[in-house]
Amino acid sequence: MDPGRDQRRELLTRVRLVVEHYERHSTAGPSIMRGVRYDLAVRATDLNGDGCLFPSCSCAKADCAQRAACPPPDVARWNRTTRR
């Protein structure tokens, strides 16, 4: 396994934590972070393939190696935060 892939996954996860913090604690967070979430999704699909749902999935890492065990994203939560 490529250690660089693991480092990229770890970085994507750290960025997602920052995005989620701003979405929760900033009045303009969801609208500002929409572009960052899109960029995270593009980078995760480059890393894991087109079926990757990161950052809207609940994977602990941006790693779809065990995709079957990955629960589906909370779409209702995602829709509520992006409409604000």
N, C-alpha and C. Protein backbone atom coordinates (compact mmCIF):
# COMPACT_ATOMS: atom_id res chain seq x y z
N MET A 1 0.84 -1.18 0.00
CA MET A 1 0.00 0.00 0.00
C MET A 1 0.89 1.24 0.00
N ASP A 2 0.46 2.24 -0.71
CA ASP A 2 1.21 3.48 -0.86
C ASP A 2 1.04 4.35 0.39
N PRO A 3 2.15 4.65 1.10
CA PRO A 3 2.02 5.50 2.29
C PRO A 3 1.55 6.92 1.95
N GLY A 4 1.81 7.37 0.74
CA GLY A 4 1.34 8.68 0.32
C GLY A 4 -0.17 8.77 0.28
N ARG A 5 -0.82 7.67 -0.11
CA ARG A 5 -2.29 7.63 -0.13
C ARG A 5 -2.84 7.77 1.29
N ASP A 6 -2.20 7.09 2.24
CA ASP A 6 -2.64 7.20 3.63
C ASP A 6 -2.49 8.63 4.14
N GLN A 7 -1.40 9.29 3.78
CA GLN A 7 -1.19 10.66 4.20
C GLN A 7 -2.24 11.59 3.59
N ARG A 8 -2.58 11.37 2.32
CA ARG A 8 -3.62 12.20 1.68
C ARG A 8 -4.96 11.97 2.34
N ARG A 9 -5.26 10.72 2.68
CA ARG A 9 -6.53 10.42 3.36
C ARG A 9 -6.58 11.10 4.73
N GLU A 10 -5.48 11.06 5.45
CA GLU A 10 -5.43 11.70 6.76
C GLU A 10 -5.60 13.21 6.63
N LEU A 11 -5.00 13.82 5.64
CA LEU A 11 -5.14 15.26 5.42
C LEU A 11 -6.59 15.62 5.07
N LEU A 12 -7.22 14.82 4.20
CA LEU A 12 -8.62 15.08 3.86
C LEU A 12 -9.51 15.00 5.10
N THR A 13 -9.22 14.07 5.98
CA THR A 13 -10.00 13.92 7.20
C THR A 13 -9.82 15.14 8.11
N ARG A 14 -8.59 15.62 8.22
CA ARG A 14 -8.34 16.81 9.05
C ARG A 14 -9.06 18.03 8.50
N VAL A 15 -9.03 18.19 7.19
CA VAL A 15 -9.72 19.33 6.58
C VAL A 15 -11.22 19.21 6.82
N ARG A 16 -11.77 17.99 6.73
CA ARG A 16 -13.20 17.82 6.99
C ARG A 16 -13.56 18.25 8.41
N LEU A 17 -12.71 17.96 9.39
CA LEU A 17 -12.97 18.37 10.77
C LEU A 17 -13.02 19.89 10.88
N VAL A 18 -12.13 20.57 10.19
CA VAL A 18 -12.13 22.04 10.19
C VAL A 18 -13.42 22.57 9.55
N VAL A 19 -13.80 21.97 8.42
CA VAL A 19 -15.02 22.38 7.73
C VAL A 19 -16.23 22.20 8.63
N GLU A 20 -16.33 21.06 9.29
CA GLU A 20 -17.47 20.81 10.17
C GLU A 20 -17.50 21.78 11.35
N HIS A 21 -16.33 22.15 11.86
CA HIS A 21 -16.25 23.13 12.94
C HIS A 21 -16.82 24.47 12.48
N TYR A 22 -16.38 24.95 11.32
CA TYR A 22 -16.87 26.23 10.81
C TYR A 22 -18.36 26.18 10.48
N GLU A 23 -18.83 25.03 9.98
CA GLU A 23 -20.26 24.90 9.68
C GLU A 23 -21.11 25.01 10.95
N ARG A 24 -20.60 24.47 12.06
CA ARG A 24 -21.35 24.49 13.31
C ARG A 24 -21.25 25.82 14.04
N HIS A 25 -20.10 26.48 13.98
CA HIS A 25 -19.84 27.61 14.87
C HIS A 25 -19.75 28.97 14.17
N SER A 26 -19.99 29.03 12.90
CA SER A 26 -19.93 30.30 12.19
C SER A 26 -21.28 30.56 11.52
N THR A 27 -21.74 31.79 11.57
CA THR A 27 -23.04 32.09 10.96
C THR A 27 -23.02 31.90 9.45
N ALA A 28 -21.89 32.16 8.83
CA ALA A 28 -21.78 31.99 7.37
C ALA A 28 -21.08 30.69 7.01
N GLY A 29 -20.81 29.84 8.00
CA GLY A 29 -20.03 28.62 7.79
C GLY A 29 -20.48 27.72 6.66
N PRO A 30 -21.77 27.31 6.64
CA PRO A 30 -22.19 26.38 5.59
C PRO A 30 -22.02 26.94 4.18
N SER A 31 -22.34 28.21 4.00
CA SER A 31 -22.21 28.76 2.64
C SER A 31 -20.76 28.94 2.24
N ILE A 32 -19.90 29.31 3.19
CA ILE A 32 -18.48 29.47 2.88
C ILE A 32 -17.83 28.11 2.62
N MET A 33 -18.22 27.11 3.38
CA MET A 33 -17.56 25.81 3.30
C MET A 33 -18.08 24.93 2.17
N ARG A 34 -19.13 25.34 1.48
CA ARG A 34 -19.68 24.53 0.39
C ARG A 34 -18.62 24.22 -0.67
N GLY A 35 -17.84 25.21 -1.04
CA GLY A 35 -16.78 25.01 -2.03
C GLY A 35 -15.68 24.10 -1.52
N VAL A 36 -15.36 24.22 -0.23
CA VAL A 36 -14.33 23.36 0.35
C VAL A 36 -14.81 21.92 0.37
N ARG A 37 -16.09 21.71 0.72
CA ARG A 37 -16.65 20.36 0.69
C ARG A 37 -16.60 19.76 -0.72
N TYR A 38 -16.90 20.58 -1.70
CA TYR A 38 -16.84 20.11 -3.08
C TYR A 38 -15.41 19.71 -3.43
N ASP A 39 -14.44 20.51 -3.05
CA ASP A 39 -13.04 20.20 -3.33
C ASP A 39 -12.62 18.90 -2.62
N LEU A 40 -13.07 18.71 -1.38
CA LEU A 40 -12.78 17.47 -0.66
C LEU A 40 -13.37 16.27 -1.39
N ALA A 41 -14.59 16.42 -1.89
CA ALA A 41 -15.24 15.32 -2.61
C ALA A 41 -14.46 14.98 -3.88
N VAL A 42 -14.01 15.99 -4.60
CA VAL A 42 -13.23 15.74 -5.82
C VAL A 42 -11.94 15.01 -5.49
N ARG A 43 -11.25 15.47 -4.46
CA ARG A 43 -9.97 14.84 -4.08
C ARG A 43 -10.18 13.41 -3.59
N ALA A 44 -11.27 13.17 -2.85
CA ALA A 44 -11.55 11.83 -2.35
C ALA A 44 -11.90 10.88 -3.49
N THR A 45 -12.65 11.35 -4.49
CA THR A 45 -12.96 10.46 -5.61
C THR A 45 -11.72 10.20 -6.45
N ASP A 46 -10.81 11.18 -6.55
CA ASP A 46 -9.53 10.93 -7.22
C ASP A 46 -8.75 9.84 -6.51
N LEU A 47 -8.85 9.81 -5.19
CA LEU A 47 -8.11 8.85 -4.38
C LEU A 47 -8.78 7.49 -4.32
N ASN A 48 -10.12 7.47 -4.22
CA ASN A 48 -10.84 6.22 -3.95
C ASN A 48 -11.72 5.73 -5.10
N GLY A 49 -11.94 6.55 -6.09
CA GLY A 49 -12.82 6.15 -7.18
C GLY A 49 -14.15 6.87 -7.11
N ASP A 50 -14.93 6.73 -8.16
CA ASP A 50 -16.17 7.49 -8.31
C ASP A 50 -17.25 7.16 -7.28
N GLY A 51 -17.16 6.03 -6.63
CA GLY A 51 -18.19 5.66 -5.65
C GLY A 51 -17.98 6.26 -4.28
N CYS A 52 -16.89 7.00 -4.09
CA CYS A 52 -16.58 7.56 -2.77
C CYS A 52 -17.55 8.68 -2.43
N LEU A 53 -18.05 8.69 -1.20
CA LEU A 53 -19.01 9.69 -0.75
C LEU A 53 -18.40 10.73 0.19
N PHE A 54 -17.12 10.61 0.47
CA PHE A 54 -16.45 11.55 1.37
C PHE A 54 -16.54 12.96 0.79
N PRO A 55 -16.82 13.98 1.53
CA PRO A 55 -16.87 14.11 2.98
C PRO A 55 -18.27 13.98 3.58
N SER A 56 -19.27 13.64 2.79
CA SER A 56 -20.62 13.56 3.35
C SER A 56 -20.92 12.20 3.97
N CYS A 57 -20.04 11.23 3.82
CA CYS A 57 -20.24 9.94 4.49
C CYS A 57 -19.74 10.04 5.92
N SER A 58 -19.90 9.00 6.67
CA SER A 58 -19.44 9.04 8.06
C SER A 58 -18.20 8.18 8.26
N CYS A 59 -17.39 8.04 7.21
CA CYS A 59 -16.13 7.30 7.33
C CYS A 59 -15.21 8.03 8.31
N ALA A 60 -14.52 7.27 9.11
CA ALA A 60 -13.56 7.88 10.03
C ALA A 60 -12.40 8.49 9.27
N LYS A 61 -12.08 7.90 8.13
CA LYS A 61 -11.02 8.41 7.25
C LYS A 61 -11.59 8.48 5.85
N ALA A 62 -10.90 9.19 5.01
CA ALA A 62 -11.32 9.26 3.60
C ALA A 62 -10.83 8.01 2.89
N ASP A 63 -11.29 6.86 3.33
CA ASP A 63 -10.81 5.59 2.83
C ASP A 63 -11.99 4.69 2.51
N CYS A 64 -12.18 4.39 1.25
CA CYS A 64 -13.29 3.54 0.84
C CYS A 64 -12.87 2.08 0.63
N ALA A 65 -11.77 1.68 1.23
CA ALA A 65 -11.31 0.31 1.07
C ALA A 65 -12.33 -0.68 1.62
N GLN A 66 -13.06 -0.26 2.64
CA GLN A 66 -14.09 -1.12 3.22
C GLN A 66 -15.45 -0.47 3.02
N ARG A 67 -15.73 -0.13 1.78
CA ARG A 67 -16.93 0.62 1.42
C ARG A 67 -18.20 -0.05 1.91
N ALA A 68 -18.26 -1.37 1.91
CA ALA A 68 -19.48 -2.07 2.33
C ALA A 68 -19.82 -1.77 3.78
N ALA A 69 -18.80 -1.51 4.60
CA ALA A 69 -19.03 -1.23 6.01
C ALA A 69 -19.33 0.24 6.27
N CYS A 70 -19.19 1.06 5.26
CA CYS A 70 -19.39 2.49 5.42
C CYS A 70 -20.88 2.80 5.41
N PRO A 71 -21.40 3.38 6.50
CA PRO A 71 -22.82 3.72 6.50
C PRO A 71 -23.12 4.85 5.53
N PRO A 72 -24.34 4.93 5.03
CA PRO A 72 -24.68 5.99 4.08
C PRO A 72 -24.61 7.36 4.75
N PRO A 73 -24.44 8.40 3.96
CA PRO A 73 -24.36 9.74 4.55
C PRO A 73 -25.70 10.18 5.11
N ASP A 74 -25.65 11.09 6.06
CA ASP A 74 -26.87 11.66 6.62
C ASP A 74 -27.29 12.80 5.70
N VAL A 75 -28.01 12.45 4.64
CA VAL A 75 -28.37 13.41 3.60
C VAL A 75 -29.27 14.51 4.17
N ALA A 76 -30.15 14.17 5.07
CA ALA A 76 -31.04 15.18 5.65
C ALA A 76 -30.22 16.25 6.38
N ARG A 77 -29.21 15.84 7.13
CA ARG A 77 -28.35 16.79 7.84
C ARG A 77 -27.62 17.66 6.84
N TRP A 78 -27.08 17.05 5.80
CA TRP A 78 -26.33 17.77 4.78
C TRP A 78 -27.22 18.81 4.10
N ASN A 79 -28.46 18.46 3.79
CA ASN A 79 -29.38 19.40 3.15
C ASN A 79 -29.74 20.55 4.08
N ARG A 80 -29.93 20.26 5.36
CA ARG A 80 -30.26 21.33 6.31
C ARG A 80 -29.12 22.34 6.41
N THR A 81 -27.87 21.86 6.47
CA THR A 81 -26.74 22.76 6.65
C THR A 81 -26.44 23.57 5.40
N THR A 82 -26.72 23.03 4.21
CA THR A 82 -26.41 23.78 3.00
C THR A 82 -27.46 24.80 2.65
N ARG A 83 -28.66 24.68 3.18
CA ARG A 83 -29.74 25.64 2.88
C ARG A 83 -29.64 26.91 3.70
N ARG A 84 -28.92 26.89 4.79
CA ARG A 84 -28.85 28.06 5.68
C ARG A 84 -28.11 29.20 5.08
